[in-house]
Amino acid sequence: MYFLSFETSTKIFSLALNRDEKVLRFRNLKSASVLEDSILPVMDKMLDSAGVKFNQMDGFAIALGPGSFTSLRVGMSTVKAFAMATGKPVVGIPTLDIIAQGILSFRHSPKINSHSRASGNPFAQYDEICVINDARRGNVYSCIYRKDSPHPVGGARGGGHYLLTSLEDVLGKVHGRTLFTGDGLRLYRKDIEGAYRKNEGQRLISTCKCLFAEEKWWYPKAKVMAALAYERFENKQYDDAASLVPLYLYPHDCQVTSPNGH
């Protein structure tokens, strides 16, 4: 099957074309904001370069966020229009899952830095992944993942696992050797390192460490999202195009979730 994956939740607009699990083409473009008239030309050019027609598409995948509200809405409305016009299935993938999947997919190649010395390849020594994205106003979007799964700790896909909260709250939820990634590290890495140093006397130093992914792993990429999307397509775990919405913030419980539970 041919399908397109769209990631519009961050300052990097990302698009990928797949045939089954194989990525045929992908584009990652920095943009202050993603607009519909910027998505279509990039998509058309990519399809032309691959010699594939839009009417050959068998499905569409879209990143759900959390992230830039305007860009998410533009990406979502574009993909929903494609799905409803063609009658092809659509799947929505949480943005934080995509970032975690990027680490899992390439776990033997990134360089990881730690505030403490570790022997060998530190990338192979973490117990969990903690994604931290900047949510502004002193908050972060966050989710914790097992080292071998792109699905949040505590269950499969589900809005209750995607948090909008303080960094302090996130650090109270991590355990063991935690690999931190996400664009929130630009603001909060020093705070994380300081918190670990402060608590070393209360923690098991031999097993509690913070590790950090390089910046190139902080952002969600459509070619990475495609692996998660293909699994959903193969299992026929489609979303309803008419009711699919970005992940929303509910102030009463301070969590990011979606009404349809995906």
C-alpha atoms as a PDB file:
ATOM      1  CA  MET A   1       0.000   0.000   0.000  1.00  0.00           C
ATOM      2  CA  TYR A   2       1.013   3.606  -0.610  1.00  0.00           C
ATOM      3  CA  PHE A   3       0.421   6.115   2.166  1.00  0.00           C
ATOM      4  CA  LEU A   4       1.452   9.618   3.173  1.00  0.00           C
ATOM      5  CA  SER A   5       2.453  10.708   6.678  1.00  0.00           C
ATOM      6  CA  PHE A   6       2.193  14.343   7.805  1.00  0.00           C
ATOM      7  CA  GLU A   7       3.835  15.838  10.909  1.00  0.00           C
ATOM      8  CA  THR A   8       2.882  19.488  11.535  1.00  0.00           C
ATOM      9  CA  SER A   9       3.053  19.819  15.320  1.00  0.00           C
ATOM     10  CA  THR A  10       6.446  21.564  15.575  1.00  0.00           C
ATOM     11  CA  LYS A  11       8.528  24.170  13.758  1.00  0.00           C
ATOM     12  CA  ILE A  12       9.736  21.383  11.446  1.00  0.00           C
ATOM     13  CA  PHE A  13       7.111  20.367   8.889  1.00  0.00           C
ATOM     14  CA  SER A  14       7.754  16.738   7.987  1.00  0.00           C
ATOM     15  CA  LEU A  15       6.244  14.604   5.228  1.00  0.00           C
ATOM     16  CA  ALA A  16       6.918  11.025   4.124  1.00  0.00           C
ATOM     17  CA  LEU A  17       5.742   8.732   1.335  1.00  0.00           C
ATOM     18  CA  ASN A  18       5.685   5.004   2.007  1.00  0.00           C
ATOM     19  CA  ARG A  19       5.055   1.847   0.083  1.00  0.00           C
ATOM     20  CA  ASP A  20       4.197  -0.582   2.860  1.00  0.00           C
ATOM     21  CA  GLU A  21       6.937  -0.293   5.505  1.00  0.00           C
ATOM     22  CA  LYS A  22       9.496   1.200   3.102  1.00  0.00           C
ATOM     23  CA  VAL A  23       9.957   4.980   3.085  1.00  0.00           C
ATOM     24  CA  LEU A  24      10.255   6.063  -0.557  1.00  0.00           C
ATOM     25  CA  ARG A  25      10.643   9.822  -0.029  1.00  0.00           C
ATOM     26  CA  PHE A  26      10.639  12.231   2.906  1.00  0.00           C
ATOM     27  CA  ARG A  27      11.025  15.962   3.502  1.00  0.00           C
ATOM     28  CA  ASN A  28      11.806  17.878   6.697  1.00  0.00           C
ATOM     29  CA  LEU A  29      11.371  21.646   6.373  1.00  0.00           C
ATOM     30  CA  LYS A  30      11.759  24.353   9.020  1.00  0.00           C
ATOM     31  CA  SER A  31       8.842  26.761   9.055  1.00  0.00           C
ATOM     32  CA  ALA A  32       7.567  29.411  11.461  1.00  0.00           C
ATOM     33  CA  SER A  33       4.059  28.064  10.829  1.00  0.00           C
ATOM     34  CA  VAL A  34       2.561  25.399   8.597  1.00  0.00           C
ATOM     35  CA  LEU A  35      -0.114  26.568   6.180  1.00  0.00           C
ATOM     36  CA  GLU A  36      -2.193  24.580   3.722  1.00  0.00           C
ATOM     37  CA  ASP A  37      -0.563  26.359   0.784  1.00  0.00           C
ATOM     38  CA  SER A  38       2.840  25.208   2.049  1.00  0.00           C
ATOM     39  CA  ILE A  39       1.816  21.559   2.500  1.00  0.00           C
ATOM     40  CA  LEU A  40       0.404  20.901  -0.961  1.00  0.00           C
ATOM     41  CA  PRO A  41       3.375  22.066  -3.093  1.00  0.00           C
ATOM     42  CA  VAL A  42       5.811  20.001  -1.001  1.00  0.00           C
ATOM     43  CA  MET A  43       3.569  16.954  -1.263  1.00  0.00           C
ATOM     44  CA  ASP A  44       3.116  17.336  -5.028  1.00  0.00           C
ATOM     45  CA  LYS A  45       6.842  17.722  -5.615  1.00  0.00           C
ATOM     46  CA  MET A  46       7.633  14.677  -3.501  1.00  0.00           C
ATOM     47  CA  LEU A  47       5.077  12.518  -5.277  1.00  0.00           C
ATOM     48  CA  ASP A  48       6.402  13.641  -8.662  1.00  0.00           C
ATOM     49  CA  SER A  49       9.961  12.768  -7.689  1.00  0.00           C
ATOM     50  CA  ALA A  50       8.838   9.267  -6.699  1.00  0.00           C
ATOM     51  CA  GLY A  51       6.739   8.791  -9.846  1.00  0.00           C
ATOM     52  CA  VAL A  52       3.631   8.168  -7.731  1.00  0.00           C
ATOM     53  CA  LYS A  53       0.213   9.741  -8.265  1.00  0.00           C
ATOM     54  CA  PHE A  54      -1.951  11.076  -5.466  1.00  0.00           C
ATOM     55  CA  ASN A  55      -4.812   8.826  -6.580  1.00  0.00           C
ATOM     56  CA  GLN A  56      -2.598   5.825  -5.810  1.00  0.00           C
ATOM     57  CA  MET A  57      -2.701   6.599  -2.072  1.00  0.00           C
ATOM     58  CA  ASP A  58      -4.263   3.889   0.085  1.00  0.00           C
ATOM     59  CA  GLY A  59      -4.213   5.821   3.344  1.00  0.00           C
ATOM     60  CA  PHE A  60      -3.041   8.872   5.282  1.00  0.00           C
ATOM     61  CA  ALA A  61      -1.373   9.386   8.666  1.00  0.00           C
ATOM     62  CA  ILE A  62      -1.333  12.577  10.710  1.00  0.00           C
ATOM     63  CA  ALA A  63       0.475  13.588  13.896  1.00  0.00           C
ATOM     64  CA  LEU A  64      -2.027  14.461  16.619  1.00  0.00           C
ATOM     65  CA  GLY A  65       0.163  16.664  18.809  1.00  0.00           C
ATOM     66  CA  PRO A  66       0.413  18.123  21.374  1.00  0.00           C
ATOM     67  CA  GLY A  67       2.178  21.021  19.735  1.00  0.00           C
ATOM     68  CA  SER A  68       1.581  24.215  17.801  1.00  0.00           C
ATOM     69  CA  PHE A  69      -2.192  24.726  17.792  1.00  0.00           C
ATOM     70  CA  THR A  70      -2.423  26.492  14.409  1.00  0.00           C
ATOM     71  CA  SER A  71      -0.067  24.124  12.590  1.00  0.00           C
ATOM     72  CA  LEU A  72      -1.793  21.076  14.049  1.00  0.00           C
ATOM     73  CA  ARG A  73      -5.200  22.329  12.931  1.00  0.00           C
ATOM     74  CA  VAL A  74      -3.936  23.022   9.415  1.00  0.00           C
ATOM     75  CA  GLY A  75      -2.331  19.597   9.097  1.00  0.00           C
ATOM     76  CA  MET A  76      -5.353  17.861  10.555  1.00  0.00           C
ATOM     77  CA  SER A  77      -7.884  19.618   8.333  1.00  0.00           C
ATOM     78  CA  THR A  78      -5.770  18.897   5.235  1.00  0.00           C
ATOM     79  CA  VAL A  79      -5.434  15.179   5.954  1.00  0.00           C
ATOM     80  CA  LYS A  80      -9.081  14.812   6.970  1.00  0.00           C
ATOM     81  CA  ALA A  81     -10.085  16.420   3.676  1.00  0.00           C
ATOM     82  CA  PHE A  82      -7.864  13.964   1.794  1.00  0.00           C
ATOM     83  CA  ALA A  83      -9.334  10.978   3.637  1.00  0.00           C
ATOM     84  CA  MET A  84     -12.952  12.008   3.260  1.00  0.00           C
ATOM     85  CA  ALA A  85     -12.553  12.992  -0.404  1.00  0.00           C
ATOM     86  CA  THR A  86     -10.857   9.721  -1.364  1.00  0.00           C
ATOM     87  CA  GLY A  87     -12.614   7.385   1.061  1.00  0.00           C
ATOM     88  CA  LYS A  88      -9.230   6.085   2.201  1.00  0.00           C
ATOM     89  CA  PRO A  89      -8.421   5.295   5.859  1.00  0.00           C
ATOM     90  CA  VAL A  90      -6.632   7.687   8.191  1.00  0.00           C
ATOM     91  CA  VAL A  91      -4.671   7.075  11.392  1.00  0.00           C
ATOM     92  CA  GLY A  92      -3.630   9.644  13.994  1.00  0.00           C
ATOM     93  CA  ILE A  93      -0.355   9.197  15.881  1.00  0.00           C
ATOM     94  CA  PRO A  94       0.498  11.142  19.074  1.00  0.00           C
ATOM     95  CA  THR A  95       3.526  13.374  18.547  1.00  0.00           C
ATOM     96  CA  LEU A  96       5.278  12.239  21.738  1.00  0.00           C
ATOM     97  CA  ASP A  97       5.029   8.613  20.552  1.00  0.00           C
ATOM     98  CA  ILE A  98       6.776   9.616  17.332  1.00  0.00           C
ATOM     99  CA  ILE A  99       9.672  11.186  19.226  1.00  0.00           C
ATOM    100  CA  ALA A 100      10.046   8.044  21.365  1.00  0.00           C
ATOM    101  CA  GLN A 101       9.886   5.858  18.255  1.00  0.00           C
ATOM    102  CA  GLY A 102      12.760   7.874  16.779  1.00  0.00           C
ATOM    103  CA  ILE A 103      14.949   6.821  19.698  1.00  0.00           C
ATOM    104  CA  LEU A 104      13.797   3.210  19.520  1.00  0.00           C
ATOM    105  CA  SER A 105      14.374   2.988  15.770  1.00  0.00           C
ATOM    106  CA  PHE A 106      17.941   4.247  15.918  1.00  0.00           C
ATOM    107  CA  ARG A 107      18.999   3.297  19.420  1.00  0.00           C
ATOM    108  CA  HIS A 108      22.387   2.001  18.323  1.00  0.00           C
ATOM    109  CA  SER A 109      23.466   5.167  16.531  1.00  0.00           C
ATOM    110  CA  PRO A 110      22.743   8.401  18.457  1.00  0.00           C
ATOM    111  CA  LYS A 111      25.329   9.855  20.789  1.00  0.00           C
ATOM    112  CA  ILE A 112      23.961  10.209  24.275  1.00  0.00           C
ATOM    113  CA  ASN A 113      25.424  12.515  26.894  1.00  0.00           C
ATOM    114  CA  SER A 114      25.132  11.920  30.621  1.00  0.00           C
ATOM    115  CA  HIS A 115      25.840  14.108  33.598  1.00  0.00           C
ATOM    116  CA  SER A 116      27.636  11.069  35.058  1.00  0.00           C
ATOM    117  CA  ARG A 117      30.250   8.912  33.396  1.00  0.00           C
ATOM    118  CA  ALA A 118      29.124   5.629  31.929  1.00  0.00           C
ATOM    119  CA  SER A 119      31.188   2.907  30.349  1.00  0.00           C
ATOM    120  CA  GLY A 120      30.478   1.509  26.927  1.00  0.00           C
ATOM    121  CA  ASN A 121      27.606   2.854  24.870  1.00  0.00           C
ATOM    122  CA  PRO A 122      25.266   4.791  27.219  1.00  0.00           C
ATOM    123  CA  PHE A 123      22.498   4.633  24.622  1.00  0.00           C
ATOM    124  CA  ALA A 124      22.133   0.933  25.386  1.00  0.00           C
ATOM    125  CA  GLN A 125      21.974   1.524  29.136  1.00  0.00           C
ATOM    126  CA  TYR A 126      18.680   3.325  29.703  1.00  0.00           C
ATOM    127  CA  ASP A 127      15.589   1.792  31.318  1.00  0.00           C
ATOM    128  CA  GLU A 128      12.981   4.222  30.020  1.00  0.00           C
ATOM    129  CA  ILE A 129      12.488   7.157  27.657  1.00  0.00           C
ATOM    130  CA  CYS A 130      11.018  10.416  28.902  1.00  0.00           C
ATOM    131  CA  VAL A 131       9.885  12.853  26.213  1.00  0.00           C
ATOM    132  CA  ILE A 132       9.719  16.470  27.338  1.00  0.00           C
ATOM    133  CA  ASN A 133       8.394  19.149  24.981  1.00  0.00           C
ATOM    134  CA  ASP A 134       8.069  22.816  25.822  1.00  0.00           C
ATOM    135  CA  ALA A 135       4.424  23.723  26.543  1.00  0.00           C
ATOM    136  CA  ARG A 136       5.279  27.327  27.496  1.00  0.00           C
ATOM    137  CA  ARG A 137       4.150  29.128  30.668  1.00  0.00           C
ATOM    138  CA  GLY A 138       6.616  27.034  32.670  1.00  0.00           C
ATOM    139  CA  ASN A 139       4.963  23.726  31.734  1.00  0.00           C
ATOM    140  CA  VAL A 140       5.983  20.745  29.643  1.00  0.00           C
ATOM    141  CA  TYR A 141       4.218  18.112  27.583  1.00  0.00           C
ATOM    142  CA  SER A 142       5.592  14.766  28.670  1.00  0.00           C
ATOM    143  CA  CYS A 143       5.195  11.025  28.420  1.00  0.00           C
ATOM    144  CA  ILE A 144       7.261   8.087  29.678  1.00  0.00           C
ATOM    145  CA  TYR A 145       7.996   4.975  27.603  1.00  0.00           C
ATOM    146  CA  ARG A 146       9.591   1.614  28.222  1.00  0.00           C
ATOM    147  CA  LYS A 147      12.931   1.221  26.501  1.00  0.00           C
ATOM    148  CA  ASP A 148      11.539  -1.324  24.057  1.00  0.00           C
ATOM    149  CA  SER A 149       8.099   0.131  23.262  1.00  0.00           C
ATOM    150  CA  PRO A 150       6.779   3.284  21.560  1.00  0.00           C
ATOM    151  CA  HIS A 151       3.606   3.040  23.661  1.00  0.00           C
ATOM    152  CA  PRO A 152       3.349   4.937  26.960  1.00  0.00           C
ATOM    153  CA  VAL A 153       4.074   3.258  30.285  1.00  0.00           C
ATOM    154  CA  GLY A 154       0.812   2.219  31.929  1.00  0.00           C
ATOM    155  CA  GLY A 155      -0.943   0.858  28.874  1.00  0.00           C
ATOM    156  CA  ALA A 156      -1.368   1.121  25.139  1.00  0.00           C
ATOM    157  CA  ARG A 157      -2.365   4.320  23.333  1.00  0.00           C
ATOM    158  CA  GLY A 158      -4.474   6.491  25.583  1.00  0.00           C
ATOM    159  CA  GLY A 159      -4.794  10.204  26.261  1.00  0.00           C
ATOM    160  CA  GLY A 160      -4.384   9.755  30.018  1.00  0.00           C
ATOM    161  CA  HIS A 161      -0.664   9.106  29.584  1.00  0.00           C
ATOM    162  CA  TYR A 162       0.151  12.368  27.812  1.00  0.00           C
ATOM    163  CA  LEU A 163       0.707  15.031  30.436  1.00  0.00           C
ATOM    164  CA  LEU A 164       0.780  18.786  30.604  1.00  0.00           C
ATOM    165  CA  THR A 165       2.513  19.471  33.887  1.00  0.00           C
ATOM    166  CA  SER A 166       5.566  20.904  35.620  1.00  0.00           C
ATOM    167  CA  LEU A 167       9.085  19.581  35.183  1.00  0.00           C
ATOM    168  CA  GLU A 168       9.139  18.815  38.900  1.00  0.00           C
ATOM    169  CA  ASP A 169       6.119  16.563  38.520  1.00  0.00           C
ATOM    170  CA  VAL A 170       7.714  14.707  35.604  1.00  0.00           C
ATOM    171  CA  LEU A 171      10.923  14.112  37.546  1.00  0.00           C
ATOM    172  CA  GLY A 172       8.839  12.596  40.328  1.00  0.00           C
ATOM    173  CA  LYS A 173       7.538   9.966  37.894  1.00  0.00           C
ATOM    174  CA  VAL A 174      10.803   8.716  36.324  1.00  0.00           C
ATOM    175  CA  HIS A 175      12.794   5.776  37.658  1.00  0.00           C
ATOM    176  CA  GLY A 176      16.167   4.158  37.075  1.00  0.00           C
ATOM    177  CA  ARG A 177      18.239   5.235  34.092  1.00  0.00           C
ATOM    178  CA  THR A 178      16.111   7.681  32.149  1.00  0.00           C
ATOM    179  CA  LEU A 179      16.852   8.878  28.624  1.00  0.00           C
ATOM    180  CA  PHE A 180      15.422  12.374  28.155  1.00  0.00           C
ATOM    181  CA  THR A 181      14.562  13.736  24.721  1.00  0.00           C
ATOM    182  CA  GLY A 182      12.319  16.415  23.207  1.00  0.00           C
ATOM    183  CA  ASP A 183      12.637  20.133  22.523  1.00  0.00           C
ATOM    184  CA  GLY A 184      12.045  20.921  26.210  1.00  0.00           C
ATOM    185  CA  LEU A 185      15.675  19.983  26.827  1.00  0.00           C
ATOM    186  CA  ARG A 186      16.717  23.296  25.320  1.00  0.00           C
ATOM    187  CA  LEU A 187      15.140  25.026  28.329  1.00  0.00           C
ATOM    188  CA  TYR A 188      15.243  22.399  31.035  1.00  0.00           C
ATOM    189  CA  ARG A 189      18.351  20.235  30.668  1.00  0.00           C
ATOM    190  CA  LYS A 190      20.300  22.156  33.323  1.00  0.00           C
ATOM    191  CA  ASP A 191      17.319  21.944  35.674  1.00  0.00           C
ATOM    192  CA  ILE A 192      17.140  18.171  35.175  1.00  0.00           C
ATOM    193  CA  GLU A 193      20.857  17.755  35.830  1.00  0.00           C
ATOM    194  CA  GLY A 194      20.574  19.946  38.927  1.00  0.00           C
ATOM    195  CA  ALA A 195      17.648  17.940  40.264  1.00  0.00           C
ATOM    196  CA  TYR A 196      19.562  14.677  39.877  1.00  0.00           C
ATOM    197  CA  ARG A 197      22.624  16.098  41.603  1.00  0.00           C
ATOM    198  CA  LYS A 198      20.480  17.442  44.438  1.00  0.00           C
ATOM    199  CA  ASN A 199      18.829  14.096  45.014  1.00  0.00           C
ATOM    200  CA  GLU A 200      21.872  11.864  44.650  1.00  0.00           C
ATOM    201  CA  GLY A 201      21.983  11.363  48.381  1.00  0.00           C
ATOM    202  CA  GLN A 202      18.403  10.059  48.352  1.00  0.00           C
ATOM    203  CA  ARG A 203      18.651   7.941  45.209  1.00  0.00           C
ATOM    204  CA  LEU A 204      20.513   4.756  44.327  1.00  0.00           C
ATOM    205  CA  ILE A 205      23.343   6.383  42.430  1.00  0.00           C
ATOM    206  CA  SER A 206      24.308   3.118  40.724  1.00  0.00           C
ATOM    207  CA  THR A 207      20.911   2.772  39.050  1.00  0.00           C
ATOM    208  CA  CYS A 208      19.479   6.319  38.855  1.00  0.00           C
ATOM    209  CA  LYS A 209      20.956   8.378  36.037  1.00  0.00           C
ATOM    210  CA  CYS A 210      19.801  10.949  33.523  1.00  0.00           C
ATOM    211  CA  LEU A 211      20.884  10.570  29.911  1.00  0.00           C
ATOM    212  CA  PHE A 212      20.229  13.048  27.114  1.00  0.00           C
ATOM    213  CA  ALA A 213      19.598  12.570  23.397  1.00  0.00           C
ATOM    214  CA  GLU A 214      21.260  14.879  20.904  1.00  0.00           C
ATOM    215  CA  GLU A 215      19.119  17.670  19.461  1.00  0.00           C
ATOM    216  CA  LYS A 216      18.605  15.864  16.165  1.00  0.00           C
ATOM    217  CA  TRP A 217      16.462  13.313  18.041  1.00  0.00           C
ATOM    218  CA  TRP A 218      14.256  15.887  19.774  1.00  0.00           C
ATOM    219  CA  TYR A 219      11.783  16.449  16.935  1.00  0.00           C
ATOM    220  CA  PRO A 220       9.135  14.147  15.452  1.00  0.00           C
ATOM    221  CA  LYS A 221       9.818  13.033  11.885  1.00  0.00           C
ATOM    222  CA  ALA A 222       7.251  11.755   9.402  1.00  0.00           C
ATOM    223  CA  LYS A 223       9.526   8.937   8.232  1.00  0.00           C
ATOM    224  CA  VAL A 224       9.613   7.682  11.837  1.00  0.00           C
ATOM    225  CA  MET A 225       5.861   8.164  12.291  1.00  0.00           C
ATOM    226  CA  ALA A 226       5.323   6.024   9.191  1.00  0.00           C
ATOM    227  CA  ALA A 227       6.484   2.904  11.058  1.00  0.00           C
ATOM    228  CA  LEU A 228       3.803   3.434  13.712  1.00  0.00           C
ATOM    229  CA  ALA A 229       1.228   4.281  11.064  1.00  0.00           C
ATOM    230  CA  TYR A 230       1.984   1.178   8.990  1.00  0.00           C
ATOM    231  CA  GLU A 231       1.405  -1.019  12.051  1.00  0.00           C
ATOM    232  CA  ARG A 232      -1.987   0.628  12.516  1.00  0.00           C
ATOM    233  CA  PHE A 233      -2.874   0.207   8.836  1.00  0.00           C
ATOM    234  CA  GLU A 234      -1.838  -3.458   8.873  1.00  0.00           C
ATOM    235  CA  ASN A 235      -4.044  -4.108  11.903  1.00  0.00           C
ATOM    236  CA  LYS A 236      -6.892  -2.046  10.415  1.00  0.00           C
ATOM    237  CA  GLN A 237      -6.856   0.229  13.469  1.00  0.00           C
ATOM    238  CA  TYR A 238      -8.223   3.214  11.601  1.00  0.00           C
ATOM    239  CA  ASP A 239      -9.526   6.461  13.029  1.00  0.00           C
ATOM    240  CA  ASP A 240     -12.798   8.037  11.973  1.00  0.00           C
ATOM    241  CA  ALA A 241     -11.860  10.926   9.684  1.00  0.00           C
ATOM    242  CA  ALA A 242     -14.928  12.966  10.568  1.00  0.00           C
ATOM    243  CA  SER A 243     -14.354  12.915  14.338  1.00  0.00           C
ATOM    244  CA  LEU A 244     -10.540  12.853  14.488  1.00  0.00           C
ATOM    245  CA  VAL A 245      -9.143  15.880  16.356  1.00  0.00           C
ATOM    246  CA  PRO A 246      -5.747  16.967  17.690  1.00  0.00           C
ATOM    247  CA  LEU A 247      -4.832  16.110  21.265  1.00  0.00           C
ATOM    248  CA  TYR A 248      -6.455  18.712  23.503  1.00  0.00           C
ATOM    249  CA  LEU A 249      -5.684  20.178  26.914  1.00  0.00           C
ATOM    250  CA  TYR A 250      -8.252  19.758  29.670  1.00  0.00           C
ATOM    251  CA  PRO A 251      -7.448  22.204  32.482  1.00  0.00           C
ATOM    252  CA  HIS A 252      -9.424  20.298  35.118  1.00  0.00           C
ATOM    253  CA  ASP A 253      -7.022  17.344  35.108  1.00  0.00           C
ATOM    254  CA  CYS A 254      -3.998  19.009  33.502  1.00  0.00           C
ATOM    255  CA  GLN A 255      -3.696  16.258  30.898  1.00  0.00           C
ATOM    256  CA  VAL A 256      -3.578  16.236  27.135  1.00  0.00           C
ATOM    257  CA  THR A 257      -6.107  13.839  25.656  1.00  0.00           C
ATOM    258  CA  SER A 258      -8.394  13.294  22.724  1.00  0.00           C
ATOM    259  CA  PRO A 259     -12.138  12.657  22.834  1.00  0.00           C
ATOM    260  CA  ASN A 260     -11.889   9.486  20.763  1.00  0.00           C
ATOM    261  CA  GLY A 261      -9.302   7.906  23.078  1.00  0.00           C
ATOM    262  CA  HIS A 262      -6.478   7.624  20.524  1.00  0.00           C
END
